[in-house]
Structures are given as C-alpha cells and as structure tokens.
Protein backbone atom coordinates (compact mmCIF):
# COMPACT_ATOMS: atom_id res chain seq x y z
CA MET A 1 -20.00 40.59 41.09
CA ALA A 2 -16.68 41.53 39.46
CA ARG A 3 -14.31 38.76 40.98
CA ARG A 4 -17.06 36.67 39.33
CA ASN A 5 -16.94 37.94 36.13
CA VAL A 6 -12.93 37.40 36.39
CA LEU A 7 -13.07 33.72 37.11
CA PHE A 8 -15.26 33.34 34.61
CA TYR A 9 -13.77 35.05 31.49
CA GLY A 10 -10.77 33.77 33.49
CA SER A 11 -12.02 30.07 32.85
CA GLY A 12 -13.14 30.12 29.47
CA PHE A 13 -9.14 31.72 28.42
CA ILE A 14 -8.01 28.45 30.06
CA VAL A 15 -10.29 26.61 28.06
CA PHE A 16 -9.95 28.77 24.88
CA ILE A 17 -5.98 27.44 25.32
CA LEU A 18 -6.48 23.97 26.36
CA VAL A 19 -8.65 23.57 22.92
CA LEU A 20 -5.91 25.44 20.48
CA PHE A 21 -3.06 23.54 21.79
CA VAL A 22 -5.37 20.47 21.22
CA CYS A 23 -6.20 21.18 17.34
CA MET A 24 -2.01 22.68 17.27
CA GLY A 25 -1.34 19.15 18.18
CA TYR A 26 -3.73 17.35 15.82
CA GLY A 27 -2.53 19.52 13.25
CA THR A 28 1.37 18.71 14.16
CA HIS A 29 0.31 14.85 14.37
CA LYS A 30 -1.42 15.71 10.66
CA VAL A 31 1.48 17.13 9.20
CA MET A 32 4.19 14.46 10.41
CA ALA A 33 2.16 11.68 9.54
CA ASN A 34 1.85 13.14 5.87
CA LYS A 35 5.77 13.62 5.63
CA GLN A 36 6.37 9.79 7.05
CA GLN A 37 3.93 8.88 4.29
CA SER A 38 5.94 10.56 1.71
CA LYS A 39 9.00 9.36 2.99
CA ASN A 40 8.00 5.58 3.42
CA PRO A 41 4.99 5.08 1.71
CA PRO A 42 2.81 2.19 2.81
CA LEU A 43 3.27 0.30 -0.29
CA LEU A 44 5.22 -3.05 -0.63
CA LEU A 45 8.77 -2.40 -1.84
CA SER A 46 9.07 0.48 0.98
CA SER A 47 7.59 -2.23 3.60
CA GLY A 48 10.97 -3.55 4.49
CA LEU A 49 9.36 -6.94 4.42
CA THR A 50 10.18 -8.10 0.90
CA GLU A 51 13.81 -8.11 -1.19
CA VAL A 52 12.76 -7.98 -4.79
CA SER A 53 13.48 -4.96 -6.16
CA GLU A 54 10.58 -4.28 -8.90
CA ALA A 55 6.86 -4.29 -8.76
CA GLU A 56 4.23 -4.26 -11.02
CA VAL A 57 1.18 -1.39 -11.24
CA HIS A 58 -1.76 -1.28 -11.90
CA VAL A 59 -4.67 1.55 -12.38
CA LEU A 60 -8.57 1.00 -12.64
CA LEU A 61 -10.59 4.36 -13.63
CA TRP A 62 -14.22 3.38 -13.90
CA PHE A 63 -17.08 5.24 -14.83
CA GLU A 64 -20.78 4.74 -14.65
CA GLY A 65 -22.57 4.21 -17.81
CA GLU A 66 -24.96 7.41 -17.36
CA ASN A 67 -22.03 9.64 -18.01
CA ASP A 68 -20.53 10.33 -21.28
CA PHE A 69 -16.78 10.12 -20.18
CA ALA A 70 -15.22 9.22 -23.41
CA GLY A 71 -13.95 13.08 -24.74
CA SER A 72 -13.29 13.92 -21.22
CA SER A 73 -10.73 15.89 -20.81
CA LEU A 74 -9.56 13.98 -17.36
CA ILE A 75 -9.54 10.61 -19.53
CA GLU A 76 -7.10 12.45 -21.98
CA GLU A 77 -5.11 14.31 -19.32
CA ILE A 78 -4.47 10.63 -17.90
CA ARG A 79 -3.97 8.75 -20.86
CA SER A 80 -1.20 11.33 -22.43
CA ILE A 81 0.92 10.18 -18.86
CA ALA A 82 4.09 9.01 -19.67
CA GLY A 83 6.00 5.45 -18.56
CA TRP A 84 2.27 3.85 -18.38
CA LYS A 85 0.57 1.45 -21.07
CA TRP A 86 -3.09 2.46 -21.05
CA ASP A 87 -6.22 0.41 -22.33
CA TYR A 88 -9.63 2.45 -22.56
CA GLN A 89 -12.51 0.76 -22.88
CA ARG A 90 -16.58 1.08 -22.82
CA SER A 91 -19.16 -1.22 -22.44
CA SER A 92 -21.56 -2.14 -24.90
CA SER A 93 -24.66 -3.53 -22.76
CA ASN A 94 -24.41 -0.69 -20.46
CA GLY A 95 -22.12 2.04 -21.56
CA ALA A 96 -19.52 1.60 -18.63
CA ILE A 97 -16.09 2.99 -19.57
CA THR A 98 -12.81 1.88 -17.90
CA LEU A 99 -9.32 3.22 -18.08
CA THR A 100 -6.72 0.87 -16.94
CA GLY A 101 -2.86 0.97 -16.61
CA SER A 102 -0.02 -0.14 -15.93
CA ARG A 103 3.68 0.31 -15.21
CA HIS A 104 7.03 -1.35 -13.29
CA LEU A 105 8.40 0.67 -10.05
CA LYS A 106 10.82 0.70 -7.83
CA ALA A 107 10.71 1.76 -4.54
CA SER A 108 12.22 4.94 -4.98
CA GLU A 109 8.79 5.40 -7.21
CA GLU A 110 6.80 4.50 -4.97
CA ALA A 111 5.85 7.67 -2.92
CA GLU A 112 5.11 9.89 -6.11
CA ILE A 113 2.88 7.29 -7.72
CA LEU A 114 0.72 6.81 -4.29
CA ALA A 115 0.58 10.93 -3.86
CA TRP A 116 -0.04 10.76 -7.64
CA PHE A 117 -2.80 7.92 -7.74
CA GLN A 118 -4.40 9.98 -4.62
CA GLN A 119 -4.69 12.99 -6.07
CA ILE A 120 -6.13 11.29 -9.18
CA ALA A 121 -8.52 9.38 -7.51
CA LYS A 122 -10.01 13.00 -5.99
CA SER A 123 -10.58 14.19 -9.88
CA VAL A 124 -11.69 10.95 -10.68
CA GLU A 125 -14.57 10.82 -7.72
CA SER A 126 -15.54 14.07 -8.65
CA GLU A 127 -16.64 13.56 -11.92
CA GLY A 128 -17.87 10.26 -10.56
CA GLY A 129 -16.58 7.85 -11.03
CA LYS A 130 -14.24 5.46 -9.02
CA ALA A 131 -10.37 4.57 -8.98
CA PHE A 132 -8.66 1.37 -7.58
CA LEU A 133 -4.98 0.50 -7.41
CA ASP A 134 -3.33 -2.66 -7.30
CA GLU A 135 0.69 -3.37 -6.37
CA ARG A 136 1.96 -6.75 -7.08
CA VAL A 137 4.97 -8.58 -6.23
CA GLN A 138 6.61 -12.00 -6.97
CA VAL A 139 7.27 -13.01 -3.42
CA GLY A 140 5.24 -13.61 -0.36
CA ILE A 141 5.02 -11.35 2.84
CA ASP A 142 3.91 -11.71 5.99
CA ILE A 143 0.51 -9.89 5.59
CA LYS A 144 -0.55 -9.30 9.74
CA THR A 145 3.32 -7.62 10.01
CA TYR A 146 2.31 -5.63 7.09
CA LEU A 147 -1.09 -4.13 8.48
CA GLU A 148 0.33 -3.83 12.17
CA LYS A 149 3.73 -1.92 10.76
CA ASN A 150 1.89 0.82 8.84
CA GLY A 151 -1.06 1.09 11.38
CA PHE A 152 -4.24 -0.67 9.62
CA GLN A 153 -6.67 -2.42 11.31
CA PRO A 154 -7.42 -5.87 9.82
CA VAL A 155 -11.29 -6.19 9.23
CA GLN A 156 -11.88 -9.46 7.68
CA GLU A 157 -9.53 -12.67 6.86
CA VAL A 158 -10.48 -15.24 4.22
CA LEU A 159 -8.14 -18.33 3.62
CA THR A 160 -9.18 -19.78 0.26
CA GLY A 161 -7.30 -22.66 -0.93
CA LYS A 162 -3.36 -21.25 -1.16
CA THR A 163 -5.10 -18.21 -1.09
CA PHE A 164 -4.82 -15.87 1.88
CA SER A 165 -6.94 -12.57 2.09
CA VAL A 166 -7.00 -9.74 4.44
CA ALA A 167 -9.07 -6.52 4.19
CA GLY A 168 -8.19 -3.65 6.29
CA ARG A 169 -8.81 -0.02 6.97
CA LYS A 170 -7.18 3.25 8.38
CA GLU A 171 -8.90 6.33 8.74
CA ASN A 172 -8.18 9.44 6.30
CA PHE A 173 -5.97 6.86 4.56
CA PHE A 174 -8.06 6.64 1.11
CA SER A 175 -11.95 6.75 0.80
CA GLU A 176 -13.74 3.79 1.97
CA VAL A 177 -15.65 1.26 0.76
CA GLN A 178 -18.71 -1.33 1.71
CA ALA A 179 -17.57 -4.97 2.40
CA GLY A 180 -20.52 -6.37 3.70
CA GLN A 181 -21.15 -4.86 7.19
CA ASP A 182 -17.09 -3.66 7.29
CA SER A 183 -16.00 -0.56 5.66
CA ILE A 184 -12.57 -1.04 4.21
CA ASN A 185 -9.96 0.60 2.19
CA ILE A 186 -7.07 -1.58 1.81
CA GLN A 187 -7.11 -5.19 0.59
CA LEU A 188 -4.11 -7.75 0.86
CA LEU A 189 -3.77 -11.28 -0.53
CA SER A 190 -1.01 -13.71 -0.97
CA ARG A 191 -1.09 -17.00 -3.05
CA GLY A 192 1.54 -19.56 -3.20
CA SER A 193 1.76 -22.18 -6.04
CA ALA A 194 3.91 -24.31 -8.15
CA GLN A 195 5.88 -21.07 -9.73
CA GLY A 196 6.75 -19.47 -6.33
CA GLU A 197 4.46 -17.17 -4.03
CA LYS A 198 2.97 -13.54 -4.87
CA THR A 199 1.51 -10.32 -3.02
CA VAL A 200 -1.04 -8.20 -4.05
CA LEU A 201 -1.46 -4.68 -2.40
CA ALA A 202 -5.14 -2.95 -3.36
CA ILE A 203 -6.44 -0.03 -2.70
CA PRO A 204 -9.34 0.09 -1.70
CA VAL A 205 -9.74 -3.28 -2.71
CA LEU A 206 -9.32 -5.57 -5.34
CA LEU A 207 -11.37 -5.23 -8.76
CA GLU A 208 -8.90 -7.76 -11.18
CA GLU A 209 -7.85 -11.15 -11.20
CA PHE A 210 -5.10 -11.90 -8.98
C-alpha cells in the first residue's frame, strides 16, 4: 500500500511538473511574441514589402445612439491627443456618435501607434463602443505574402474590378468581427488605378471608403 501511494504521488508530481513547463513555455512564447510585435509591428511600413517612407492612418471610434457620450471624459481625452486631426459627429437620425482622427506616420512610429490604438480600443469597448483603424500607402503590396509573414490566416478573398480584398484573422491579435460566417480581425485591400496602386490595411475591418 505504501509503495502504491508513493507511485501515485510520484506520478501526480510528474504530471504537475509537465503542466508547469507547458504553462511556462506558453508564457515565454507570449512574451516573445509581444516583444516581436513591438519591434516589428504588423503594419504596412514595417512589413518590408513597400519602399514608401510614410503612410496615412485613420482611427474611427463609434458609439451607439442610446448612450450619451457627448461629454464623456474618454472622448475629450482622445480629442486632446496632439498630432491628430479629430472630427466629432453625432447622427441626427439615431444619435450615434463617431469620432474620427487622422495623421501621417513613419515606420518608426508604427509600433507606438498600434500599441496606443489597442489600448484605446479596450477603453472604447468598455464604454460600449467599437474602434477601427486603417493605414494607407500609395503603393501596391503582395497581400498574401504580408499575411503569411505576419502570421495571419486568410479567410475571405474578393476581387472586384481592380480592387483585391483579403480578410483574415490571427488569434489574440485584436477583437474579432463577423464577416458572414467567418470571424476576422484584419482586412487588406489593394487597388490599381490610372494614378497608381494603393493599399489599405484595416483593423479589424474597413468601414470608410477606399
């Protein structure tokens, strides 16, 4: 009986150690992934797939009409951020509130902007709103290579005229939205025209005109 108890507790200890190592490994992987994102954020200028030095970034924050955020400290705090051009609107039909901002940025600023947006998005969602970001460059890129390089799984592809759109997802990257039967948290569109090619990266999905 004593020997059986020793074997039982010994086996339990081994299982515990194995689980501990797995958890430690997951935690280490997550930390390394976060460090990698802060060094090479999954945005267009840092992708290595374009030679342009500057991009235009837009942020759209949306709140449902039944909530009165007109004087909220969150919106006022966001509108006071320097370097952005902010536009505040309230719909006369349903009372929905939108706060849109835009600015230009360089590759060295992408990591900071992405981390800031992810934090702002959490605050907006806690207030019942939704946050969207898109980054635009005046050049085409290889969308599938971009997705593969940054660990995104392509989910939907659409070709309309000269516009190619791919929606994808990456677990633990950003809040997901439903696109038909699929869940996505990133969308890329590339379009050719007489003026040249353009590419937009949207998180989690593009709402404004491209």
